[in-house]
PDB file of all heavy atoms in Angstrom:
ATOM      1  N   ASN A   1     115.830 123.448  93.380  1.00  0.00           N
ATOM      2  CA  ASN A   1     116.009 124.733  94.030  1.00  0.00           C
ATOM      3  C   ASN A   1     115.215 125.837  93.357  1.00  0.00           C
ATOM      4  O   ASN A   1     115.802 126.984  93.081  1.00  0.00           O
ATOM      5  CB  ASN A   1     117.523 125.064  94.073  1.00  0.00           C
ATOM      6  CG  ASN A   1     118.268 124.328  95.167  1.00  0.00           C
ATOM      7  OD1 ASN A   1     117.847 123.266  95.581  1.00  0.00           O
ATOM      8  ND2 ASN A   1     119.359 124.886  95.548  1.00  0.00           N
ATOM      9  N   THR A   2     113.995 125.581  93.077  1.00  0.00           N
ATOM     10  CA  THR A   2     113.195 126.572  92.327  1.00  0.00           C
ATOM     11  C   THR A   2     111.841 126.658  92.820  1.00  0.00           C
ATOM     12  O   THR A   2     111.176 125.685  93.239  1.00  0.00           O
ATOM     13  CB  THR A   2     113.083 126.118  90.753  1.00  0.00           C
ATOM     14  OG1 THR A   2     114.365 125.972  90.277  1.00  0.00           O
ATOM     15  CG2 THR A   2     112.365 127.200  90.035  1.00  0.00           C
ATOM     16  N   VAL A   3     111.314 127.916  92.886  1.00  0.00           N
ATOM     17  CA  VAL A   3     109.966 128.159  93.317  1.00  0.00           C
ATOM     18  C   VAL A   3     109.278 128.821  92.130  1.00  0.00           C
ATOM     19  O   VAL A   3     109.910 129.595  91.355  1.00  0.00           O
ATOM     20  CB  VAL A   3     109.859 129.063  94.551  1.00  0.00           C
ATOM     21  CG1 VAL A   3     110.514 130.440  94.298  1.00  0.00           C
ATOM     22  CG2 VAL A   3     108.469 129.247  94.999  1.00  0.00           C
ATOM     23  N   PHE A   4     107.990 128.563  91.948  1.00  0.00           N
ATOM     24  CA  PHE A   4     107.248 129.042  90.789  1.00  0.00           C
ATOM     25  C   PHE A   4     105.993 129.812  91.212  1.00  0.00           C
ATOM     26  O   PHE A   4     105.515 129.674  92.313  1.00  0.00           O
ATOM     27  CB  PHE A   4     106.721 127.865  89.912  1.00  0.00           C
ATOM     28  CG  PHE A   4     107.795 126.939  89.446  1.00  0.00           C
ATOM     29  CD1 PHE A   4     108.143 125.767  90.142  1.00  0.00           C
ATOM     30  CD2 PHE A   4     108.547 127.217  88.307  1.00  0.00           C
ATOM     31  CE1 PHE A   4     109.125 124.915  89.791  1.00  0.00           C
ATOM     32  CE2 PHE A   4     109.551 126.372  87.885  1.00  0.00           C
ATOM     33  CZ  PHE A   4     109.795 125.212  88.609  1.00  0.00           C
ATOM     34  N   LEU A   5     105.582 130.684  90.334  1.00  0.00           N
ATOM     35  CA  LEU A   5     104.345 131.427  90.511  1.00  0.00           C
ATOM     36  C   LEU A   5     103.562 131.331  89.193  1.00  0.00           C
ATOM     37  O   LEU A   5     103.914 131.985  88.281  1.00  0.00           O
ATOM     38  CB  LEU A   5     104.570 132.893  90.889  1.00  0.00           C
ATOM     39  CG  LEU A   5     103.280 133.624  91.165  1.00  0.00           C
ATOM     40  CD1 LEU A   5     102.578 133.145  92.385  1.00  0.00           C
ATOM     41  CD2 LEU A   5     103.543 135.167  91.329  1.00  0.00           C
ATOM     42  N   GLN A   6     102.556 130.517  89.223  1.00  0.00           N
ATOM     43  CA  GLN A   6     101.670 130.343  88.055  1.00  0.00           C
ATOM     44  C   GLN A   6     100.632 131.425  88.129  1.00  0.00           C
ATOM     45  O   GLN A   6      99.832 131.421  89.115  1.00  0.00           O
ATOM     46  CB  GLN A   6     101.074 128.966  87.956  1.00  0.00           C
ATOM     47  CG  GLN A   6     100.122 128.764  86.815  1.00  0.00           C
ATOM     48  CD  GLN A   6     100.821 128.762  85.439  1.00  0.00           C
ATOM     49  OE1 GLN A   6     101.816 128.203  85.268  1.00  0.00           O
ATOM     50  NE2 GLN A   6     100.246 129.556  84.515  1.00  0.00           N
ATOM     51  N   MET A   7     100.573 132.281  87.142  1.00  0.00           N
ATOM     52  CA  MET A   7      99.571 133.372  87.135  1.00  0.00           C
ATOM     53  C   MET A   7      98.634 133.143  85.996  1.00  0.00           C
ATOM     54  O   MET A   7      99.035 133.187  84.818  1.00  0.00           O
ATOM     55  CB  MET A   7     100.289 134.725  87.096  1.00  0.00           C
ATOM     56  CG  MET A   7     101.258 134.995  88.204  1.00  0.00           C
ATOM     57  SD  MET A   7     101.969 136.654  88.215  1.00  0.00           S
ATOM     58  CE  MET A   7     102.920 136.596  86.712  1.00  0.00           C
ATOM     59  N   ASN A   8      97.332 133.008  86.305  1.00  0.00           N
ATOM     60  CA  ASN A   8      96.304 132.873  85.254  1.00  0.00           C
ATOM     61  C   ASN A   8      95.366 133.984  85.313  1.00  0.00           C
ATOM     62  O   ASN A   8      95.294 134.769  86.314  1.00  0.00           O
ATOM     63  CB  ASN A   8      95.547 131.510  85.510  1.00  0.00           C
ATOM     64  CG  ASN A   8      96.414 130.282  85.440  1.00  0.00           C
ATOM     65  OD1 ASN A   8      97.337 130.235  84.622  1.00  0.00           O
ATOM     66  ND2 ASN A   8      96.075 129.290  86.204  1.00  0.00           N
ATOM     67  N   SER A   9      94.618 134.172  84.232  1.00  0.00           N
ATOM     68  CA  SER A   9      93.644 135.261  84.108  1.00  0.00           C
ATOM     69  C   SER A   9      94.205 136.570  84.544  1.00  0.00           C
ATOM     70  O   SER A   9      93.613 137.277  85.372  1.00  0.00           O
ATOM     71  CB  SER A   9      92.346 134.863  85.050  1.00  0.00           C
ATOM     72  OG  SER A   9      91.796 133.667  84.662  1.00  0.00           O
ATOM     73  N   LEU A  10      95.362 136.908  84.037  1.00  0.00           N
ATOM     74  CA  LEU A  10      96.015 138.099  84.359  1.00  0.00           C
ATOM     75  C   LEU A  10      95.180 139.386  83.988  1.00  0.00           C
ATOM     76  O   LEU A  10      94.449 139.395  83.014  1.00  0.00           O
ATOM     77  CB  LEU A  10      97.370 138.168  83.689  1.00  0.00           C
ATOM     78  CG  LEU A  10      98.431 137.286  84.330  1.00  0.00           C
ATOM     79  CD1 LEU A  10      99.636 137.090  83.379  1.00  0.00           C
ATOM     80  CD2 LEU A  10      98.863 137.884  85.651  1.00  0.00           C
ATOM     81  N   LYS A  11      95.319 140.371  84.864  1.00  0.00           N
ATOM     82  CA  LYS A  11      94.627 141.603  84.703  1.00  0.00           C
ATOM     83  C   LYS A  11      95.648 142.747  84.577  1.00  0.00           C
ATOM     84  O   LYS A  11      96.781 142.618  85.097  1.00  0.00           O
ATOM     85  CB  LYS A  11      93.713 141.872  85.907  1.00  0.00           C
ATOM     86  CG  LYS A  11      92.733 140.747  86.194  1.00  0.00           C
ATOM     87  CD  LYS A  11      91.963 141.012  87.476  1.00  0.00           C
ATOM     88  CE  LYS A  11      91.010 139.862  87.831  1.00  0.00           C
ATOM     89  NZ  LYS A  11      90.287 140.146  89.046  1.00  0.00           N
ATOM     90  N   PRO A  12      95.251 143.835  83.998  1.00  0.00           N
ATOM     91  CA  PRO A  12      96.147 144.986  83.891  1.00  0.00           C
ATOM     92  C   PRO A  12      96.715 145.440  85.295  1.00  0.00           C
ATOM     93  O   PRO A  12      97.831 145.821  85.338  1.00  0.00           O
ATOM     94  CB  PRO A  12      95.331 146.117  83.298  1.00  0.00           C
ATOM     95  CG  PRO A  12      94.343 145.339  82.425  1.00  0.00           C
ATOM     96  CD  PRO A  12      94.002 144.135  83.266  1.00  0.00           C
ATOM     97  N   GLU A  13      95.908 145.312  86.348  1.00  0.00           N
ATOM     98  CA  GLU A  13      96.362 145.669  87.658  1.00  0.00           C
ATOM     99  C   GLU A  13      97.417 144.764  88.222  1.00  0.00           C
ATOM    100  O   GLU A  13      97.937 144.988  89.307  1.00  0.00           O
ATOM    101  CB  GLU A  13      95.196 145.770  88.650  1.00  0.00           C
ATOM    102  CG  GLU A  13      94.243 144.579  88.610  1.00  0.00           C
ATOM    103  CD  GLU A  13      93.065 144.809  87.786  1.00  0.00           C
ATOM    104  OE1 GLU A  13      93.151 145.266  86.625  1.00  0.00           O
ATOM    105  OE2 GLU A  13      91.897 144.523  88.268  1.00  0.00           O
ATOM    106  N   ASP A  14      97.683 143.657  87.537  1.00  0.00           N
ATOM    107  CA  ASP A  14      98.759 142.761  87.974  1.00  0.00           C
ATOM    108  C   ASP A  14     100.136 143.251  87.518  1.00  0.00           C
ATOM    109  O   ASP A  14     101.138 142.680  87.848  1.00  0.00           O
ATOM    110  CB  ASP A  14      98.505 141.355  87.419  1.00  0.00           C
ATOM    111  CG  ASP A  14      97.309 140.664  88.058  1.00  0.00           C
ATOM    112  OD1 ASP A  14      97.074 140.850  89.233  1.00  0.00           O
ATOM    113  OD2 ASP A  14      96.603 139.986  87.310  1.00  0.00           O
ATOM    114  N   THR A  15     100.122 144.262  86.661  1.00  0.00           N
ATOM    115  CA  THR A  15     101.336 144.833  86.137  1.00  0.00           C
ATOM    116  C   THR A  15     102.229 145.345  87.298  1.00  0.00           C
ATOM    117  O   THR A  15     101.780 146.150  88.124  1.00  0.00           O
ATOM    118  CB  THR A  15     101.086 145.968  85.214  1.00  0.00           C
ATOM    119  OG1 THR A  15     100.391 145.504  84.054  1.00  0.00           O
ATOM    120  CG2 THR A  15     102.405 146.632  84.755  1.00  0.00           C
ATOM    121  N   ALA A  16     103.413 144.802  87.399  1.00  0.00           N
ATOM    122  CA  ALA A  16     104.315 145.153  88.442  1.00  0.00           C
ATOM    123  C   ALA A  16     105.653 144.407  88.248  1.00  0.00           C
ATOM    124  O   ALA A  16     105.788 143.508  87.367  1.00  0.00           O
ATOM    125  CB  ALA A  16     103.732 144.789  89.783  1.00  0.00           C
ATOM    126  N   VAL A  17     106.584 144.780  89.090  1.00  0.00           N
ATOM    127  CA  VAL A  17     107.851 143.984  89.143  1.00  0.00           C
ATOM    128  C   VAL A  17     107.622 142.967  90.200  1.00  0.00           C
ATOM    129  O   VAL A  17     107.249 143.266  91.320  1.00  0.00           O
ATOM    130  CB  VAL A  17     109.061 144.878  89.495  1.00  0.00           C
ATOM    131  CG1 VAL A  17     110.317 144.037  89.669  1.00  0.00           C
ATOM    132  CG2 VAL A  17     109.277 145.962  88.406  1.00  0.00           C
ATOM    133  N   TYR A  18     107.798 141.758  89.847  1.00  0.00           N
ATOM    134  CA  TYR A  18     107.604 140.597  90.773  1.00  0.00           C
ATOM    135  C   TYR A  18     108.935 140.179  91.415  1.00  0.00           C
ATOM    136  O   TYR A  18     109.835 139.858  90.662  1.00  0.00           O
ATOM    137  CB  TYR A  18     106.912 139.471  90.095  1.00  0.00           C
ATOM    138  CG  TYR A  18     105.434 139.734  89.895  1.00  0.00           C
ATOM    139  CD1 TYR A  18     105.011 140.676  88.982  1.00  0.00           C
ATOM    140  CD2 TYR A  18     104.458 139.118  90.668  1.00  0.00           C
ATOM    141  CE1 TYR A  18     103.652 140.965  88.780  1.00  0.00           C
ATOM    142  CE2 TYR A  18     103.119 139.340  90.506  1.00  0.00           C
ATOM    143  CZ  TYR A  18     102.733 140.267  89.548  1.00  0.00           C
ATOM    144  OH  TYR A  18     101.396 140.583  89.400  1.00  0.00           O
ATOM    145  N   TYR A  19     108.972 140.077  92.710  1.00  0.00           N
ATOM    146  CA  TYR A  19     110.150 139.694  93.405  1.00  0.00           C
ATOM    147  C   TYR A  19     110.018 138.367  94.157  1.00  0.00           C
ATOM    148  O   TYR A  19     108.981 138.073  94.729  1.00  0.00           O
ATOM    149  CB  TYR A  19     110.561 140.739  94.435  1.00  0.00           C
ATOM    150  CG  TYR A  19     110.870 142.136  93.895  1.00  0.00           C
ATOM    151  CD1 TYR A  19     109.863 143.054  93.670  1.00  0.00           C
ATOM    152  CD2 TYR A  19     112.196 142.404  93.512  1.00  0.00           C
ATOM    153  CE1 TYR A  19     110.207 144.338  93.154  1.00  0.00           C
ATOM    154  CE2 TYR A  19     112.468 143.680  92.998  1.00  0.00           C
ATOM    155  CZ  TYR A  19     111.510 144.587  92.796  1.00  0.00           C
ATOM    156  OH  TYR A  19     111.767 145.870  92.254  1.00  0.00           O
ATOM    157  N   CYS A  20     111.097 137.608  94.161  1.00  0.00           N
ATOM    158  CA  CYS A  20     111.159 136.401  94.905  1.00  0.00           C
ATOM    159  C   CYS A  20     111.880 136.660  96.226  1.00  0.00           C
ATOM    160  O   CYS A  20     112.861 137.418  96.244  1.00  0.00           O
ATOM    161  CB  CYS A  20     111.919 135.338  94.096  1.00  0.00           C
ATOM    162  SG  CYS A  20     112.191 133.782  94.922  1.00  0.00           S
ATOM    163  N   ALA A  21     111.423 136.096  97.317  1.00  0.00           N
ATOM    164  CA  ALA A  21     112.045 136.307  98.600  1.00  0.00           C
ATOM    165  C   ALA A  21     112.167 134.993  99.365  1.00  0.00           C
ATOM    166  O   ALA A  21     111.388 134.069  99.119  1.00  0.00           O
ATOM    167  CB  ALA A  21     111.149 137.291  99.365  1.00  0.00           C
ATOM    168  N   ALA A  22     113.162 134.955 100.248  1.00  0.00           N
ATOM    169  CA  ALA A  22     113.365 133.779 101.029  1.00  0.00           C
ATOM    170  C   ALA A  22     113.746 134.039 102.430  1.00  0.00           C
ATOM    171  O   ALA A  22     114.310 135.096 102.737  1.00  0.00           O
ATOM    172  CB  ALA A  22     114.460 132.982 100.376  1.00  0.00           C
ATOM    173  N   ARG A  23     113.415 133.128 103.345  1.00  0.00           N
ATOM    174  CA  ARG A  23     113.833 133.180 104.677  1.00  0.00           C
ATOM    175  C   ARG A  23     113.909 131.775 105.243  1.00  0.00           C
ATOM    176  O   ARG A  23     112.998 130.944 105.020  1.00  0.00           O
ATOM    177  CB  ARG A  23     112.892 134.022 105.542  1.00  0.00           C
ATOM    178  CG  ARG A  23     113.356 134.052 107.014  1.00  0.00           C
ATOM    179  CD  ARG A  23     112.436 135.001 107.854  1.00  0.00           C
ATOM    180  NE  ARG A  23     112.858 134.875 109.278  1.00  0.00           N
ATOM    181  CZ  ARG A  23     112.352 135.665 110.225  1.00  0.00           C
ATOM    182  NH1 ARG A  23     111.459 136.594 109.913  1.00  0.00           N
ATOM    183  NH2 ARG A  23     112.730 135.491 111.447  1.00  0.00           N
ATOM    184  N   ASN A  24     114.963 131.466 105.955  1.00  0.00           N
ATOM    185  CA  ASN A  24     115.154 130.186 106.619  1.00  0.00           C
ATOM    186  C   ASN A  24     114.211 130.094 107.779  1.00  0.00           C
ATOM    187  O   ASN A  24     114.534 130.565 108.868  1.00  0.00           O
ATOM    188  CB  ASN A  24     116.603 130.033 107.001  1.00  0.00           C
ATOM    189  CG  ASN A  24     116.892 128.568 107.388  1.00  0.00           C
ATOM    190  OD1 ASN A  24     116.055 127.860 107.884  1.00  0.00           O
ATOM    191  ND2 ASN A  24     118.138 128.172 107.197  1.00  0.00           N
ATOM    192  N   THR A  25     113.058 129.531 107.596  1.00  0.00           N
ATOM    193  CA  THR A  25     112.076 129.477 108.653  1.00  0.00           C
ATOM    194  C   THR A  25     111.001 128.407 108.326  1.00  0.00           C
ATOM    195  O   THR A  25     110.775 128.080 107.135  1.00  0.00           O
ATOM    196  CB  THR A  25     111.384 130.838 108.846  1.00  0.00           C
ATOM    197  OG1 THR A  25     110.343 130.708 109.853  1.00  0.00           O
ATOM    198  CG2 THR A  25     110.666 131.272 107.556  1.00  0.00           C
ATOM    199  N   ILE A  26     110.350 127.890 109.319  1.00  0.00           N
ATOM    200  CA  ILE A  26     109.359 126.926 109.168  1.00  0.00           C
ATOM    201  C   ILE A  26     108.021 127.585 108.926  1.00  0.00           C
ATOM    202  O   ILE A  26     107.068 126.971 108.398  1.00  0.00           O
ATOM    203  CB  ILE A  26     109.263 125.958 110.368  1.00  0.00           C
ATOM    204  CG1 ILE A  26     108.346 124.772 110.046  1.00  0.00           C
ATOM    205  CG2 ILE A  26     108.703 126.746 111.582  1.00  0.00           C
ATOM    206  CD1 ILE A  26     108.380 123.757 111.207  1.00  0.00           C
ATOM    207  N   LEU A  27     107.958 128.845 109.198  1.00  0.00           N
ATOM    208  CA  LEU A  27     106.761 129.637 109.016  1.00  0.00           C
ATOM    209  C   LEU A  27     106.563 130.157 107.609  1.00  0.00           C
ATOM    210  O   LEU A  27     107.489 130.171 106.798  1.00  0.00           O
ATOM    211  CB  LEU A  27     106.709 130.811 110.001  1.00  0.00           C
ATOM    212  CG  LEU A  27     106.912 130.495 111.491  1.00  0.00           C
ATOM    213  CD1 LEU A  27     106.884 131.789 112.352  1.00  0.00           C
ATOM    214  CD2 LEU A  27     105.774 129.621 111.924  1.00  0.00           C
ATOM    215  N   VAL A  28     105.356 130.595 107.343  1.00  0.00           N
ATOM    216  CA  VAL A  28     105.020 131.226 106.073  1.00  0.00           C
ATOM    217  C   VAL A  28     104.695 132.683 106.294  1.00  0.00           C
ATOM    218  O   VAL A  28     103.666 132.984 106.894  1.00  0.00           O
ATOM    219  CB  VAL A  28     103.806 130.508 105.374  1.00  0.00           C
ATOM    220  CG1 VAL A  28     103.505 131.215 104.079  1.00  0.00           C
ATOM    221  CG2 VAL A  28     104.196 129.050 105.088  1.00  0.00           C
ATOM    222  N   TYR A  29     105.492 133.578 105.881  1.00  0.00           N
ATOM    223  CA  TYR A  29     105.349 135.013 106.109  1.00  0.00           C
ATOM    224  C   TYR A  29     104.700 135.712 104.934  1.00  0.00           C
ATOM    225  O   TYR A  29     104.957 135.389 103.778  1.00  0.00           O
ATOM    226  CB  TYR A  29     106.672 135.654 106.465  1.00  0.00           C
ATOM    227  CG  TYR A  29     107.250 135.264 107.743  1.00  0.00           C
ATOM    228  CD1 TYR A  29     108.334 134.425 107.855  1.00  0.00           C
ATOM    229  CD2 TYR A  29     106.669 135.745 108.942  1.00  0.00           C
ATOM    230  CE1 TYR A  29     108.876 134.050 109.107  1.00  0.00           C
ATOM    231  CE2 TYR A  29     107.183 135.357 110.152  1.00  0.00           C
ATOM    232  CZ  TYR A  29     108.316 134.519 110.245  1.00  0.00           C
ATOM    233  OH  TYR A  29     108.803 134.165 111.496  1.00  0.00           O
ATOM    234  N   THR A  30     103.922 136.722 105.288  1.00  0.00           N
ATOM    235  CA  THR A  30     103.203 137.495 104.250  1.00  0.00           C
ATOM    236  C   THR A  30     103.650 138.962 104.266  1.00  0.00           C
ATOM    237  O   THR A  30     103.132 139.789 103.567  1.00  0.00           O
ATOM    238  CB  THR A  30     101.674 137.476 104.472  1.00  0.00           C
ATOM    239  OG1 THR A  30     101.334 138.016 105.752  1.00  0.00           O
ATOM    240  CG2 THR A  30     101.182 135.999 104.354  1.00  0.00           C
ATOM    241  N   ILE A  31     104.597 139.287 105.158  1.00  0.00           N
ATOM    242  CA  ILE A  31     105.135 140.635 105.284  1.00  0.00           C
ATOM    243  C   ILE A  31     106.503 140.682 104.717  1.00  0.00           C
ATOM    244  O   ILE A  31     107.391 139.891 105.036  1.00  0.00           O
ATOM    245  CB  ILE A  31     105.106 141.063 106.747  1.00  0.00           C
ATOM    246  CG1 ILE A  31     103.689 141.020 107.312  1.00  0.00           C
ATOM    247  CG2 ILE A  31     105.681 142.397 106.889  1.00  0.00           C
ATOM    248  CD1 ILE A  31     103.614 141.241 108.795  1.00  0.00           C
ATOM    249  N   SER A  32     106.736 141.657 103.855  1.00  0.00           N
ATOM    250  CA  SER A  32     108.030 141.760 103.199  1.00  0.00           C
ATOM    251  C   SER A  32     109.238 141.845 104.114  1.00  0.00           C
ATOM    252  O   SER A  32     110.323 141.288 103.808  1.00  0.00           O
ATOM    253  CB  SER A  32     107.987 142.923 102.171  1.00  0.00           C
ATOM    254  OG  SER A  32     107.829 144.143 102.817  1.00  0.00           O
ATOM    255  N   GLY A  33     109.018 142.607 105.210  1.00  0.00           N
ATOM    256  CA  GLY A  33     110.086 142.820 106.148  1.00  0.00           C
ATOM    257  C   GLY A  33     110.564 141.533 106.871  1.00  0.00           C
ATOM    258  O   GLY A  33     111.635 141.524 107.497  1.00  0.00           O
TER     259      GLY A  33
END
């Protein structure tokens, strides 16, 4: 029950709060809403 995000070659512009999100769907969404 875990999802990962491997981040390589990090840049200063990657600085942020990173959030995990979920939705019961077969689709892959790229919009937060």
